[in-house]
Amino acid sequence: MIRRIGLGRVYAVTAAVLGGGLLLALLVTDGSGDTPWDLEVTGAALKGRKGETVTADLALDFHGADVQAQLDAENSVPFARTEVQFPEGVTVLSTPELCKLGNSTTRKPFYLCEYGLYTNSFDIPMLRDGFHVAYPFRLRIDDPSRLTGGRIRVDAPAERLRGDADPENSTASITIEAIGEAGSSAGSGSWSTTAWTATAGAGVLALTGLLAAGLVRARRRTR
């Protein structure tokens, strides 16, 4: 018999009659069981110029058998979280509601994202097949020379993730490719070599025409 109660645990109770007495065996689990399930993250491949704002549409998807989302009544022990680390050379302008900056002084800045499923009274939230949550981050490209690789990954103790049917999709890359300095094209307000040459040539032709007209008028006056 399986009974769920409001402490964030699944209790499996087995009863057996031994020697005329009743023996109860109690098993506490995290709800994952042995049925296959899969946590999958989606990264991003972005392009932009220095100073440009881009959006990294990151995401987490769940597939397979149900898994208990929160392992305690206070929602302080999620089954798993998503960790996001961006390339250097960018500034995060906007953070999704379910994400917050991680607390560490010994590593590069990172973000931890929840999936938004929380224990409510006697309800035990579950990760179910087809669950999807998006994490859109708005970024500004500040230094194209420092756009080293970033990543998004599923974050949980190794023993908790042993049931993941496809661990390879639990990590994805975040890349940002700089496509040139802002204002480097003629259309962005700066002069290209071709435009400058054409303008200079037109100026020379105009000056030559004025000189020729002046010589003609001078010759007419001396006759």
N, C-alpha and C. Protein backbone atom coordinates (compact mmCIF):
# COMPACT_ATOMS: atom_id res chain seq x y z
N MET A 1 0.86 -1.19 0.00
CA MET A 1 0.00 0.00 0.00
C MET A 1 0.90 1.24 0.00
N ILE A 2 0.60 2.20 -0.89
CA ILE A 2 1.36 3.46 -0.96
C ILE A 2 0.49 4.58 -0.42
N ARG A 3 1.04 5.32 0.52
CA ARG A 3 0.29 6.43 1.10
C ARG A 3 1.14 7.68 1.05
N ARG A 4 0.57 8.81 0.59
CA ARG A 4 1.28 10.07 0.55
C ARG A 4 0.77 10.98 1.67
N ILE A 5 1.68 11.60 2.39
CA ILE A 5 1.29 12.55 3.43
C ILE A 5 2.02 13.85 3.19
N GLY A 6 1.70 14.87 3.96
CA GLY A 6 2.17 16.22 3.66
C GLY A 6 3.56 16.55 4.14
N LEU A 7 4.43 15.59 4.31
CA LEU A 7 5.80 15.87 4.75
C LEU A 7 6.79 15.82 3.60
N GLY A 8 6.28 15.76 2.38
CA GLY A 8 7.19 15.76 1.25
C GLY A 8 7.86 14.43 1.01
N ARG A 9 7.34 13.36 1.54
CA ARG A 9 7.90 12.03 1.35
C ARG A 9 6.83 11.07 0.86
N VAL A 10 7.24 10.02 0.18
CA VAL A 10 6.34 8.94 -0.19
C VAL A 10 6.63 7.76 0.71
N TYR A 11 5.63 7.27 1.43
CA TYR A 11 5.81 6.18 2.37
C TYR A 11 5.21 4.90 1.78
N ALA A 12 6.04 3.87 1.65
CA ALA A 12 5.55 2.57 1.21
C ALA A 12 5.43 1.68 2.43
N VAL A 13 4.22 1.25 2.75
CA VAL A 13 3.96 0.46 3.95
C VAL A 13 3.60 -0.96 3.53
N THR A 14 4.36 -1.93 4.02
CA THR A 14 4.11 -3.34 3.71
C THR A 14 3.75 -4.08 5.00
N ALA A 15 2.66 -4.83 4.96
CA ALA A 15 2.21 -5.57 6.14
C ALA A 15 2.34 -7.06 5.89
N ALA A 16 2.80 -7.81 6.90
CA ALA A 16 2.93 -9.26 6.78
C ALA A 16 2.62 -9.90 8.14
N VAL A 17 2.05 -11.12 8.13
CA VAL A 17 1.72 -11.85 9.36
C VAL A 17 2.83 -12.86 9.62
N LEU A 18 3.56 -12.69 10.73
CA LEU A 18 4.65 -13.59 11.09
C LEU A 18 4.42 -14.09 12.51
N GLY A 19 4.30 -15.44 12.68
CA GLY A 19 4.15 -16.05 14.01
C GLY A 19 2.94 -15.54 14.76
N GLY A 20 1.86 -15.31 14.03
CA GLY A 20 0.63 -14.87 14.69
C GLY A 20 0.60 -13.38 14.95
N GLY A 21 1.71 -12.67 14.67
CA GLY A 21 1.72 -11.23 14.88
C GLY A 21 1.80 -10.48 13.55
N LEU A 22 1.52 -9.21 13.60
CA LEU A 22 1.53 -8.36 12.39
C LEU A 22 2.82 -7.53 12.38
N LEU A 23 3.57 -7.65 11.30
CA LEU A 23 4.82 -6.92 11.15
C LEU A 23 4.63 -5.86 10.06
N LEU A 24 4.98 -4.64 10.40
CA LEU A 24 4.89 -3.53 9.44
C LEU A 24 6.29 -3.09 9.04
N ALA A 25 6.52 -2.99 7.75
CA ALA A 25 7.79 -2.49 7.23
C ALA A 25 7.54 -1.15 6.55
N LEU A 26 8.29 -0.15 6.95
CA LEU A 26 8.11 1.21 6.43
C LEU A 26 9.31 1.61 5.59
N LEU A 27 9.04 2.06 4.36
CA LEU A 27 10.11 2.48 3.45
C LEU A 27 9.84 3.91 3.00
N VAL A 28 10.81 4.78 3.21
CA VAL A 28 10.70 6.17 2.79
C VAL A 28 11.51 6.37 1.52
N THR A 29 10.89 6.94 0.51
CA THR A 29 11.60 7.17 -0.76
C THR A 29 11.44 8.62 -1.17
N ASP A 30 12.22 9.03 -2.19
CA ASP A 30 12.09 10.38 -2.73
C ASP A 30 11.10 10.45 -3.87
N GLY A 31 10.45 9.33 -4.18
CA GLY A 31 9.42 9.34 -5.20
C GLY A 31 9.91 9.01 -6.59
N SER A 32 11.22 8.83 -6.78
CA SER A 32 11.74 8.61 -8.12
C SER A 32 11.58 7.16 -8.57
N GLY A 33 11.71 6.22 -7.64
CA GLY A 33 11.55 4.81 -7.97
C GLY A 33 12.60 4.35 -8.97
N ASP A 34 12.31 3.23 -9.65
CA ASP A 34 13.24 2.68 -10.63
C ASP A 34 12.74 2.86 -12.05
N THR A 35 11.64 3.56 -12.25
CA THR A 35 11.09 3.76 -13.58
C THR A 35 11.88 4.86 -14.30
N PRO A 36 12.20 4.68 -15.59
CA PRO A 36 13.03 5.66 -16.30
C PRO A 36 12.41 7.06 -16.35
N TRP A 37 13.25 8.05 -16.18
CA TRP A 37 12.87 9.45 -16.33
C TRP A 37 14.09 10.20 -16.85
N ASP A 38 13.88 11.43 -17.30
CA ASP A 38 14.97 12.18 -17.92
C ASP A 38 14.77 13.68 -17.69
N LEU A 39 15.81 14.34 -17.21
CA LEU A 39 15.86 15.80 -17.11
C LEU A 39 16.74 16.32 -18.24
N GLU A 40 16.19 17.23 -19.04
CA GLU A 40 16.92 17.74 -20.21
C GLU A 40 16.98 19.27 -20.16
N VAL A 41 18.17 19.83 -20.43
CA VAL A 41 18.32 21.28 -20.47
C VAL A 41 18.59 21.74 -21.89
N THR A 42 18.20 22.98 -22.18
CA THR A 42 18.42 23.59 -23.49
C THR A 42 19.32 24.80 -23.34
N GLY A 43 20.43 24.83 -24.08
CA GLY A 43 21.36 25.94 -24.03
C GLY A 43 21.03 26.99 -25.08
N ALA A 44 22.04 27.76 -25.50
CA ALA A 44 21.81 28.84 -26.46
C ALA A 44 23.08 29.09 -27.26
N ALA A 45 22.90 29.47 -28.54
CA ALA A 45 24.00 29.90 -29.41
C ALA A 45 23.60 31.27 -29.96
N LEU A 46 24.23 32.32 -29.44
CA LEU A 46 23.83 33.69 -29.75
C LEU A 46 24.89 34.41 -30.56
N LYS A 47 24.46 35.45 -31.28
CA LYS A 47 25.37 36.32 -32.02
C LYS A 47 24.99 37.77 -31.75
N GLY A 48 25.99 38.64 -31.70
CA GLY A 48 25.68 40.05 -31.50
C GLY A 48 26.92 40.91 -31.54
N ARG A 49 26.72 42.22 -31.64
CA ARG A 49 27.82 43.18 -31.65
C ARG A 49 28.10 43.70 -30.24
N LYS A 50 29.24 44.30 -30.07
CA LYS A 50 29.59 44.90 -28.79
C LYS A 50 28.55 45.97 -28.43
N GLY A 51 28.04 45.91 -27.21
CA GLY A 51 27.02 46.84 -26.76
C GLY A 51 25.60 46.41 -27.07
N GLU A 52 25.43 45.35 -27.83
CA GLU A 52 24.09 44.88 -28.21
C GLU A 52 23.49 44.01 -27.12
N THR A 53 22.15 44.04 -27.01
CA THR A 53 21.42 43.20 -26.06
C THR A 53 20.86 41.97 -26.77
N VAL A 54 21.09 40.80 -26.19
CA VAL A 54 20.59 39.54 -26.76
C VAL A 54 19.85 38.78 -25.66
N THR A 55 19.01 37.82 -26.06
CA THR A 55 18.23 37.02 -25.11
C THR A 55 18.62 35.55 -25.22
N ALA A 56 19.02 34.97 -24.11
CA ALA A 56 19.34 33.54 -24.05
C ALA A 56 18.10 32.80 -23.56
N ASP A 57 17.43 32.08 -24.48
CA ASP A 57 16.21 31.35 -24.14
C ASP A 57 16.58 29.94 -23.66
N LEU A 58 16.93 29.85 -22.39
CA LEU A 58 17.30 28.57 -21.79
C LEU A 58 16.04 27.86 -21.29
N ALA A 59 16.14 26.55 -21.05
CA ALA A 59 14.94 25.81 -20.63
C ALA A 59 15.31 24.51 -19.95
N LEU A 60 14.33 23.98 -19.20
CA LEU A 60 14.43 22.66 -18.57
C LEU A 60 13.19 21.87 -18.95
N ASP A 61 13.37 20.60 -19.37
CA ASP A 61 12.26 19.72 -19.72
C ASP A 61 12.39 18.41 -18.94
N PHE A 62 11.23 17.84 -18.63
CA PHE A 62 11.20 16.55 -17.92
C PHE A 62 10.43 15.54 -18.76
N HIS A 63 10.98 14.31 -18.84
CA HIS A 63 10.35 13.24 -19.61
C HIS A 63 10.30 11.97 -18.75
N GLY A 64 9.27 11.16 -18.97
CA GLY A 64 9.22 9.85 -18.32
C GLY A 64 8.35 9.80 -17.08
N ALA A 65 8.67 8.82 -16.21
CA ALA A 65 7.86 8.57 -15.01
C ALA A 65 7.95 9.73 -14.02
N ASP A 66 6.91 9.90 -13.22
CA ASP A 66 6.83 11.00 -12.27
C ASP A 66 7.96 10.94 -11.24
N VAL A 67 8.44 12.11 -10.85
CA VAL A 67 9.45 12.25 -9.80
C VAL A 67 8.99 13.34 -8.85
N GLN A 68 9.13 13.11 -7.55
CA GLN A 68 8.73 14.11 -6.57
C GLN A 68 9.60 15.36 -6.69
N ALA A 69 8.97 16.52 -6.83
CA ALA A 69 9.70 17.75 -7.12
C ALA A 69 10.41 18.33 -5.90
N GLN A 70 9.72 18.39 -4.76
CA GLN A 70 10.31 18.91 -3.53
C GLN A 70 10.37 17.79 -2.51
N LEU A 71 11.50 17.69 -1.82
CA LEU A 71 11.72 16.57 -0.90
C LEU A 71 11.46 16.92 0.56
N ASP A 72 10.96 18.14 0.83
CA ASP A 72 10.61 18.51 2.20
C ASP A 72 9.46 19.50 2.17
N ALA A 73 8.80 19.64 3.31
CA ALA A 73 7.61 20.49 3.38
C ALA A 73 7.95 21.97 3.25
N GLU A 74 9.19 22.35 3.52
CA GLU A 74 9.58 23.76 3.45
C GLU A 74 10.06 24.17 2.05
N ASN A 75 10.02 23.24 1.10
CA ASN A 75 10.47 23.51 -0.27
C ASN A 75 11.92 23.97 -0.33
N SER A 76 12.73 23.51 0.60
CA SER A 76 14.14 23.90 0.62
C SER A 76 15.04 22.82 0.04
N VAL A 77 14.48 21.66 -0.29
CA VAL A 77 15.27 20.57 -0.87
C VAL A 77 14.60 20.11 -2.17
N PRO A 78 14.86 20.81 -3.27
CA PRO A 78 14.29 20.37 -4.55
C PRO A 78 14.97 19.09 -5.04
N PHE A 79 14.26 18.30 -5.80
CA PHE A 79 14.87 17.09 -6.36
C PHE A 79 16.10 17.45 -7.18
N ALA A 80 16.00 18.52 -7.94
CA ALA A 80 17.14 19.01 -8.72
C ALA A 80 16.91 20.48 -9.03
N ARG A 81 17.99 21.19 -9.32
CA ARG A 81 17.90 22.57 -9.79
C ARG A 81 18.67 22.68 -11.10
N THR A 82 18.61 23.86 -11.69
CA THR A 82 19.37 24.13 -12.92
C THR A 82 20.41 25.20 -12.62
N GLU A 83 21.65 24.91 -12.97
CA GLU A 83 22.72 25.88 -12.76
C GLU A 83 23.10 26.51 -14.10
N VAL A 84 23.22 27.84 -14.12
CA VAL A 84 23.53 28.58 -15.34
C VAL A 84 24.78 29.41 -15.11
N GLN A 85 25.73 29.29 -16.03
CA GLN A 85 26.94 30.11 -15.98
C GLN A 85 27.18 30.70 -17.37
N PHE A 86 27.26 32.02 -17.46
CA PHE A 86 27.40 32.69 -18.74
C PHE A 86 28.87 32.94 -19.08
N PRO A 87 29.16 33.12 -20.37
CA PRO A 87 30.53 33.47 -20.76
C PRO A 87 30.95 34.80 -20.12
N GLU A 88 32.24 34.97 -19.92
CA GLU A 88 32.73 36.26 -19.48
C GLU A 88 32.54 37.27 -20.61
N GLY A 89 32.55 38.54 -20.27
CA GLY A 89 32.41 39.57 -21.30
C GLY A 89 30.97 40.00 -21.53
N VAL A 90 30.02 39.46 -20.73
CA VAL A 90 28.62 39.88 -20.85
C VAL A 90 28.11 40.35 -19.49
N THR A 91 27.08 41.18 -19.52
CA THR A 91 26.40 41.63 -18.31
C THR A 91 24.95 41.15 -18.35
N VAL A 92 24.48 40.54 -17.27
CA VAL A 92 23.10 40.08 -17.19
C VAL A 92 22.21 41.28 -16.84
N LEU A 93 21.29 41.63 -17.74
CA LEU A 93 20.41 42.76 -17.55
C LEU A 93 19.08 42.37 -16.93
N SER A 94 18.61 41.15 -17.21
CA SER A 94 17.31 40.70 -16.72
C SER A 94 17.38 39.22 -16.38
N THR A 95 16.91 38.86 -15.17
CA THR A 95 16.96 37.49 -14.68
C THR A 95 15.55 36.92 -14.56
N PRO A 96 15.30 35.68 -15.00
CA PRO A 96 13.97 35.07 -14.86
C PRO A 96 13.54 35.01 -13.40
N GLU A 97 12.24 35.00 -13.18
CA GLU A 97 11.68 35.02 -11.83
C GLU A 97 12.14 33.82 -11.00
N LEU A 98 12.33 32.67 -11.64
CA LEU A 98 12.68 31.45 -10.91
C LEU A 98 14.19 31.28 -10.71
N CYS A 99 14.98 32.26 -11.10
CA CYS A 99 16.43 32.15 -11.01
C CYS A 99 17.00 33.21 -10.07
N LYS A 100 18.08 32.87 -9.39
CA LYS A 100 18.75 33.83 -8.52
C LYS A 100 20.25 33.59 -8.58
N LEU A 101 21.01 34.63 -8.26
CA LEU A 101 22.46 34.54 -8.29
C LEU A 101 22.95 33.61 -7.20
N GLY A 102 23.85 32.69 -7.56
CA GLY A 102 24.40 31.76 -6.59
C GLY A 102 25.34 32.45 -5.62
N ASN A 103 25.54 31.85 -4.47
CA ASN A 103 26.36 32.44 -3.42
C ASN A 103 27.71 31.74 -3.35
N SER A 104 28.72 32.38 -3.92
CA SER A 104 30.07 31.80 -3.88
C SER A 104 31.10 32.89 -4.10
N THR A 105 32.19 32.81 -3.35
CA THR A 105 33.30 33.76 -3.52
C THR A 105 34.51 33.09 -4.13
N THR A 106 34.40 31.81 -4.46
CA THR A 106 35.56 31.05 -4.95
C THR A 106 35.41 30.63 -6.41
N ARG A 107 34.33 31.02 -7.07
CA ARG A 107 34.12 30.61 -8.45
C ARG A 107 33.46 31.73 -9.24
N LYS A 108 33.39 31.55 -10.55
CA LYS A 108 32.77 32.56 -11.42
C LYS A 108 31.29 32.70 -11.07
N PRO A 109 30.70 33.88 -11.34
CA PRO A 109 29.27 34.08 -11.05
C PRO A 109 28.40 33.04 -11.76
N PHE A 110 27.38 32.56 -11.08
CA PHE A 110 26.46 31.58 -11.65
C PHE A 110 25.07 31.82 -11.09
N TYR A 111 24.07 31.23 -11.73
CA TYR A 111 22.68 31.37 -11.31
C TYR A 111 22.09 29.99 -11.05
N LEU A 112 21.20 29.91 -10.04
CA LEU A 112 20.48 28.68 -9.74
C LEU A 112 19.00 28.92 -10.03
N CYS A 113 18.41 28.02 -10.82
CA CYS A 113 17.02 28.18 -11.25
C CYS A 113 16.17 27.02 -10.73
N GLU A 114 15.00 27.36 -10.18
CA GLU A 114 14.04 26.36 -9.70
C GLU A 114 13.04 26.05 -10.82
N TYR A 115 12.17 25.05 -10.58
CA TYR A 115 11.17 24.74 -11.59
C TYR A 115 9.78 25.21 -11.20
N GLY A 116 9.63 25.85 -10.06
CA GLY A 116 8.36 26.48 -9.72
C GLY A 116 7.28 25.54 -9.24
N LEU A 117 7.63 24.35 -8.77
CA LEU A 117 6.67 23.40 -8.23
C LEU A 117 6.93 23.26 -6.74
N TYR A 118 5.95 23.65 -5.91
CA TYR A 118 6.18 23.72 -4.48
C TYR A 118 5.10 22.96 -3.70
N THR A 119 5.50 22.44 -2.54
CA THR A 119 4.56 21.76 -1.66
C THR A 119 3.53 22.75 -1.13
N ASN A 120 2.25 22.34 -1.17
CA ASN A 120 1.18 23.19 -0.69
C ASN A 120 0.23 22.32 0.15
N SER A 121 0.30 22.52 1.47
CA SER A 121 -0.52 21.72 2.40
C SER A 121 -0.22 20.24 2.22
N PHE A 122 -1.23 19.44 1.84
CA PHE A 122 -1.03 18.01 1.68
C PHE A 122 -0.70 17.61 0.24
N ASP A 123 -0.54 18.58 -0.62
CA ASP A 123 -0.23 18.29 -2.02
C ASP A 123 1.27 18.12 -2.20
N ILE A 124 1.67 17.02 -2.81
CA ILE A 124 3.09 16.78 -3.11
C ILE A 124 3.32 17.06 -4.59
N PRO A 125 4.07 18.10 -4.93
CA PRO A 125 4.29 18.44 -6.35
C PRO A 125 5.17 17.40 -7.03
N MET A 126 4.84 17.10 -8.26
CA MET A 126 5.57 16.09 -9.01
C MET A 126 6.07 16.66 -10.34
N LEU A 127 7.26 16.24 -10.74
CA LEU A 127 7.73 16.46 -12.10
C LEU A 127 7.10 15.37 -12.96
N ARG A 128 6.32 15.79 -13.96
CA ARG A 128 5.60 14.83 -14.79
C ARG A 128 6.03 14.94 -16.24
N ASP A 129 5.78 13.88 -16.99
CA ASP A 129 6.17 13.83 -18.39
C ASP A 129 5.60 15.03 -19.16
N GLY A 130 6.48 15.71 -19.91
CA GLY A 130 6.05 16.88 -20.67
C GLY A 130 6.23 18.20 -19.95
N PHE A 131 6.71 18.16 -18.68
CA PHE A 131 6.91 19.41 -17.94
C PHE A 131 7.99 20.24 -18.62
N HIS A 132 7.72 21.55 -18.73
CA HIS A 132 8.67 22.47 -19.39
C HIS A 132 8.67 23.79 -18.63
N VAL A 133 9.85 24.33 -18.42
CA VAL A 133 9.97 25.66 -17.82
C VAL A 133 11.07 26.42 -18.57
N ALA A 134 10.78 27.67 -18.93
CA ALA A 134 11.72 28.50 -19.69
C ALA A 134 12.46 29.45 -18.76
N TYR A 135 13.72 29.72 -19.10
CA TYR A 135 14.55 30.66 -18.35
C TYR A 135 15.15 31.68 -19.32
N PRO A 136 14.42 32.73 -19.68
CA PRO A 136 14.96 33.74 -20.61
C PRO A 136 15.82 34.78 -19.87
N PHE A 137 17.08 34.85 -20.20
CA PHE A 137 18.00 35.85 -19.65
C PHE A 137 18.30 36.89 -20.72
N ARG A 138 18.24 38.18 -20.36
CA ARG A 138 18.66 39.25 -21.27
C ARG A 138 20.09 39.65 -20.93
N LEU A 139 20.95 39.67 -21.95
CA LEU A 139 22.37 39.91 -21.75
C LEU A 139 22.85 41.07 -22.63
N ARG A 140 23.86 41.78 -22.16
CA ARG A 140 24.52 42.80 -22.98
C ARG A 140 25.96 42.36 -23.25
N ILE A 141 26.37 42.42 -24.50
CA ILE A 141 27.73 42.04 -24.87
C ILE A 141 28.64 43.23 -24.62
N ASP A 142 29.55 43.09 -23.65
CA ASP A 142 30.43 44.19 -23.26
C ASP A 142 31.85 44.05 -23.82
N ASP A 143 32.38 42.84 -23.85
CA ASP A 143 33.76 42.63 -24.27
C ASP A 143 33.85 41.38 -25.15
N PRO A 144 33.78 41.55 -26.48
CA PRO A 144 33.82 40.38 -27.38
C PRO A 144 35.07 39.53 -27.24
N SER A 145 36.18 40.10 -26.75
CA SER A 145 37.42 39.34 -26.62
C SER A 145 37.38 38.36 -25.45
N ARG A 146 36.35 38.43 -24.59
CA ARG A 146 36.29 37.56 -23.41
C ARG A 146 35.09 36.60 -23.45
N LEU A 147 34.54 36.37 -24.62
CA LEU A 147 33.35 35.52 -24.72
C LEU A 147 33.70 34.04 -24.69
N THR A 148 34.25 33.61 -23.56
CA THR A 148 34.56 32.19 -23.38
C THR A 148 33.27 31.42 -23.13
N GLY A 149 33.32 30.10 -23.17
CA GLY A 149 32.12 29.28 -23.11
C GLY A 149 31.37 29.35 -21.80
N GLY A 150 30.04 29.27 -21.88
CA GLY A 150 29.18 29.14 -20.71
C GLY A 150 28.42 27.83 -20.79
N ARG A 151 27.56 27.57 -19.81
CA ARG A 151 26.82 26.32 -19.82
C ARG A 151 25.58 26.41 -18.94
N ILE A 152 24.65 25.48 -19.16
CA ILE A 152 23.52 25.23 -18.28
C ILE A 152 23.53 23.75 -17.97
N ARG A 153 23.27 23.38 -16.70
CA ARG A 153 23.33 21.97 -16.34
C ARG A 153 22.35 21.67 -15.21
N VAL A 154 21.96 20.41 -15.12
CA VAL A 154 21.13 19.94 -14.00
C VAL A 154 22.02 19.82 -12.78
N ASP A 155 21.59 20.39 -11.67
CA ASP A 155 22.38 20.42 -10.45
C ASP A 155 21.67 19.64 -9.34
N ALA A 156 22.25 18.53 -8.91
CA ALA A 156 21.71 17.71 -7.83
C ALA A 156 22.79 16.72 -7.40
N PRO A 157 22.70 16.15 -6.21
CA PRO A 157 23.67 15.13 -5.80
C PRO A 157 23.70 13.97 -6.79
N ALA A 158 24.89 13.41 -6.99
CA ALA A 158 25.06 12.35 -7.99
C ALA A 158 24.16 11.16 -7.72
N GLU A 159 23.98 10.79 -6.45
CA GLU A 159 23.15 9.63 -6.15
C GLU A 159 21.69 9.87 -6.52
N ARG A 160 21.26 11.13 -6.50
CA ARG A 160 19.88 11.44 -6.84
C ARG A 160 19.64 11.37 -8.35
N LEU A 161 20.70 11.58 -9.12
CA LEU A 161 20.57 11.61 -10.58
C LEU A 161 20.91 10.29 -11.25
N ARG A 162 21.15 9.26 -10.47
CA ARG A 162 21.51 7.97 -11.06
C ARG A 162 20.39 7.37 -11.90
N GLY A 163 19.14 7.77 -11.62
CA GLY A 163 18.03 7.25 -12.40
C GLY A 163 17.78 7.97 -13.70
N ASP A 164 18.56 9.03 -14.00
CA ASP A 164 18.37 9.78 -15.24
C ASP A 164 18.70 8.89 -16.43
N ALA A 165 17.71 8.73 -17.33
CA ALA A 165 17.87 7.81 -18.46
C ALA A 165 18.84 8.32 -19.50
N ASP A 166 19.07 9.64 -19.56
CA ASP A 166 19.96 10.22 -20.57
C ASP A 166 20.79 11.34 -19.95
N PRO A 167 21.85 11.01 -19.21
CA PRO A 167 22.65 12.04 -18.54
C PRO A 167 23.32 13.02 -19.49
N GLU A 168 23.53 12.63 -20.74
CA GLU A 168 24.24 13.50 -21.68
C GLU A 168 23.47 14.79 -21.97
N ASN A 169 22.13 14.74 -21.91
CA ASN A 169 21.38 15.97 -22.18
C ASN A 169 21.11 16.78 -20.91
N SER A 170 21.81 16.44 -19.84
CA SER A 170 21.68 17.19 -18.59
C SER A 170 22.63 18.39 -18.55
N THR A 171 23.44 18.57 -19.59
CA THR A 171 24.34 19.71 -19.72
C THR A 171 24.28 20.22 -21.16
N ALA A 172 24.25 21.54 -21.33
CA ALA A 172 24.24 22.14 -22.66
C ALA A 172 25.08 23.41 -22.63
N SER A 173 25.63 23.78 -23.77
CA SER A 173 26.52 24.93 -23.83
C SER A 173 25.76 26.22 -24.08
N ILE A 174 26.37 27.32 -23.65
CA ILE A 174 25.89 28.68 -23.94
C ILE A 174 27.02 29.42 -24.62
N THR A 175 26.87 29.74 -25.89
CA THR A 175 27.93 30.41 -26.64
C THR A 175 27.41 31.74 -27.19
N ILE A 176 28.30 32.71 -27.26
CA ILE A 176 27.98 34.03 -27.81
C ILE A 176 29.08 34.40 -28.79
N GLU A 177 28.71 34.61 -30.04
CA GLU A 177 29.67 34.95 -31.09
C GLU A 177 29.57 36.43 -31.41
N ALA A 178 30.70 37.15 -31.30
CA ALA A 178 30.73 38.56 -31.64
C ALA A 178 30.82 38.70 -33.16
N ILE A 179 29.96 39.52 -33.75
CA ILE A 179 29.94 39.67 -35.21
C ILE A 179 30.49 41.01 -35.66
N GLY A 180 31.25 41.68 -34.82
CA GLY A 180 31.90 42.93 -35.22
C GLY A 180 31.67 44.01 -34.20
N GLU A 181 32.48 45.07 -34.29
CA GLU A 181 32.33 46.19 -33.38
C GLU A 181 31.09 46.98 -33.73
N ALA A 182 30.43 47.52 -32.73
CA ALA A 182 29.27 48.36 -32.99
C ALA A 182 29.70 49.59 -33.77
N GLY A 183 28.97 49.95 -34.86
CA GLY A 183 29.29 51.14 -35.65
C GLY A 183 30.37 50.90 -36.67
N SER A 184 30.67 49.61 -37.02
CA SER A 184 31.75 49.34 -37.95
C SER A 184 31.28 49.34 -39.40
N SER A 185 29.97 49.40 -39.62
CA SER A 185 29.48 49.38 -40.99
C SER A 185 28.98 50.76 -41.39
N ALA A 186 28.88 50.98 -42.74
CA ALA A 186 28.45 52.28 -43.23
C ALA A 186 27.03 52.59 -42.76
N GLY A 187 26.19 51.56 -42.63
CA GLY A 187 24.81 51.76 -42.24
C GLY A 187 24.64 52.16 -40.79
N SER A 188 25.67 51.99 -39.93
CA SER A 188 25.54 52.31 -38.51
C SER A 188 26.06 53.70 -38.17
N GLY A 189 26.41 54.49 -39.19
CA GLY A 189 26.80 55.88 -38.94
C GLY A 189 28.27 56.16 -39.19
N SER A 190 29.10 55.18 -39.51
CA SER A 190 30.51 55.41 -39.79
C SER A 190 30.73 55.29 -41.29
N TRP A 191 31.81 55.84 -41.75
CA TRP A 191 32.11 55.84 -43.18
C TRP A 191 32.88 54.58 -43.54
N SER A 192 32.44 53.92 -44.59
CA SER A 192 33.22 52.80 -45.11
C SER A 192 34.24 53.33 -46.10
N THR A 193 35.25 52.49 -46.45
CA THR A 193 36.28 52.92 -47.40
C THR A 193 35.66 53.26 -48.75
N THR A 194 34.71 52.47 -49.19
CA THR A 194 34.08 52.71 -50.49
C THR A 194 33.34 54.03 -50.50
N ALA A 195 32.59 54.30 -49.42
CA ALA A 195 31.84 55.55 -49.34
C ALA A 195 32.77 56.74 -49.32
N TRP A 196 33.90 56.63 -48.57
CA TRP A 196 34.84 57.74 -48.49
C TRP A 196 35.48 58.01 -49.85
N THR A 197 35.86 56.92 -50.56
CA THR A 197 36.49 57.07 -51.87
C THR A 197 35.56 57.73 -52.87
N ALA A 198 34.28 57.30 -52.84
CA ALA A 198 33.32 57.87 -53.77
C ALA A 198 33.09 59.34 -53.48
N THR A 199 33.03 59.70 -52.20
CA THR A 199 32.81 61.10 -51.83
C THR A 199 34.02 61.95 -52.20
N ALA A 200 35.21 61.41 -51.91
CA ALA A 200 36.42 62.15 -52.24
C ALA A 200 36.52 62.37 -53.75
N GLY A 201 36.18 61.34 -54.52
CA GLY A 201 36.22 61.46 -55.97
C GLY A 201 35.26 62.50 -56.47
N ALA A 202 34.06 62.53 -55.90
CA ALA A 202 33.08 63.52 -56.31
C ALA A 202 33.55 64.92 -55.98
N GLY A 203 34.24 65.08 -54.83
CA GLY A 203 34.77 66.39 -54.46
C GLY A 203 35.83 66.87 -55.42
N VAL A 204 36.71 65.95 -55.83
CA VAL A 204 37.76 66.31 -56.79
C VAL A 204 37.15 66.74 -58.11
N LEU A 205 36.14 66.00 -58.58
CA LEU A 205 35.49 66.36 -59.84
C LEU A 205 34.82 67.72 -59.75
N ALA A 206 34.17 68.00 -58.61
CA ALA A 206 33.51 69.29 -58.44
C ALA A 206 34.53 70.42 -58.44
N LEU A 207 35.67 70.21 -57.73
CA LEU A 207 36.71 71.23 -57.68
C LEU A 207 37.30 71.46 -59.05
N THR A 208 37.52 70.40 -59.82
CA THR A 208 38.06 70.53 -61.18
C THR A 208 37.11 71.32 -62.07
N GLY A 209 35.80 71.09 -61.93
CA GLY A 209 34.81 71.81 -62.72
C GLY A 209 34.80 73.28 -62.40
N LEU A 210 34.95 73.64 -61.12
CA LEU A 210 34.97 75.04 -60.73
C LEU A 210 36.21 75.75 -61.27
N LEU A 211 37.36 75.07 -61.22
CA LEU A 211 38.58 75.66 -61.75
C LEU A 211 38.49 75.90 -63.25
N ALA A 212 37.89 74.90 -63.95
CA ALA A 212 37.76 75.04 -65.40
C ALA A 212 36.85 76.19 -65.76
N ALA A 213 35.76 76.35 -65.03
CA ALA A 213 34.83 77.45 -65.31
C ALA A 213 35.50 78.80 -65.05
N GLY A 214 36.33 78.87 -64.01
CA GLY A 214 37.02 80.12 -63.70
C GLY A 214 38.02 80.49 -64.78
N LEU A 215 38.71 79.51 -65.34
CA LEU A 215 39.67 79.80 -66.41
C LEU A 215 38.97 80.31 -67.66
N VAL A 216 37.80 79.75 -67.98
CA VAL A 216 37.06 80.20 -69.17
C VAL A 216 36.64 81.65 -69.01
N ARG A 217 36.12 82.03 -67.78
CA ARG A 217 35.70 83.40 -67.56
C ARG A 217 36.89 84.36 -67.61
N ALA A 218 38.05 83.91 -67.10
CA ALA A 218 39.23 84.76 -67.11
C ALA A 218 39.70 85.03 -68.53
N ARG A 219 39.68 84.03 -69.39
CA ARG A 219 40.08 84.20 -70.77
C ARG A 219 39.17 85.17 -71.53
N ARG A 220 37.86 85.11 -71.21
CA ARG A 220 36.92 85.99 -71.88
C ARG A 220 37.17 87.45 -71.49
N ARG A 221 37.59 87.72 -70.24
CA ARG A 221 37.83 89.08 -69.80
C ARG A 221 39.09 89.67 -70.41
N THR A 222 40.08 88.82 -70.75
CA THR A 222 41.34 89.33 -71.28
C THR A 222 41.27 89.58 -72.78
N ARG A 223 40.23 89.18 -73.45
CA ARG A 223 40.12 89.40 -74.90
C ARG A 223 39.64 90.82 -75.18
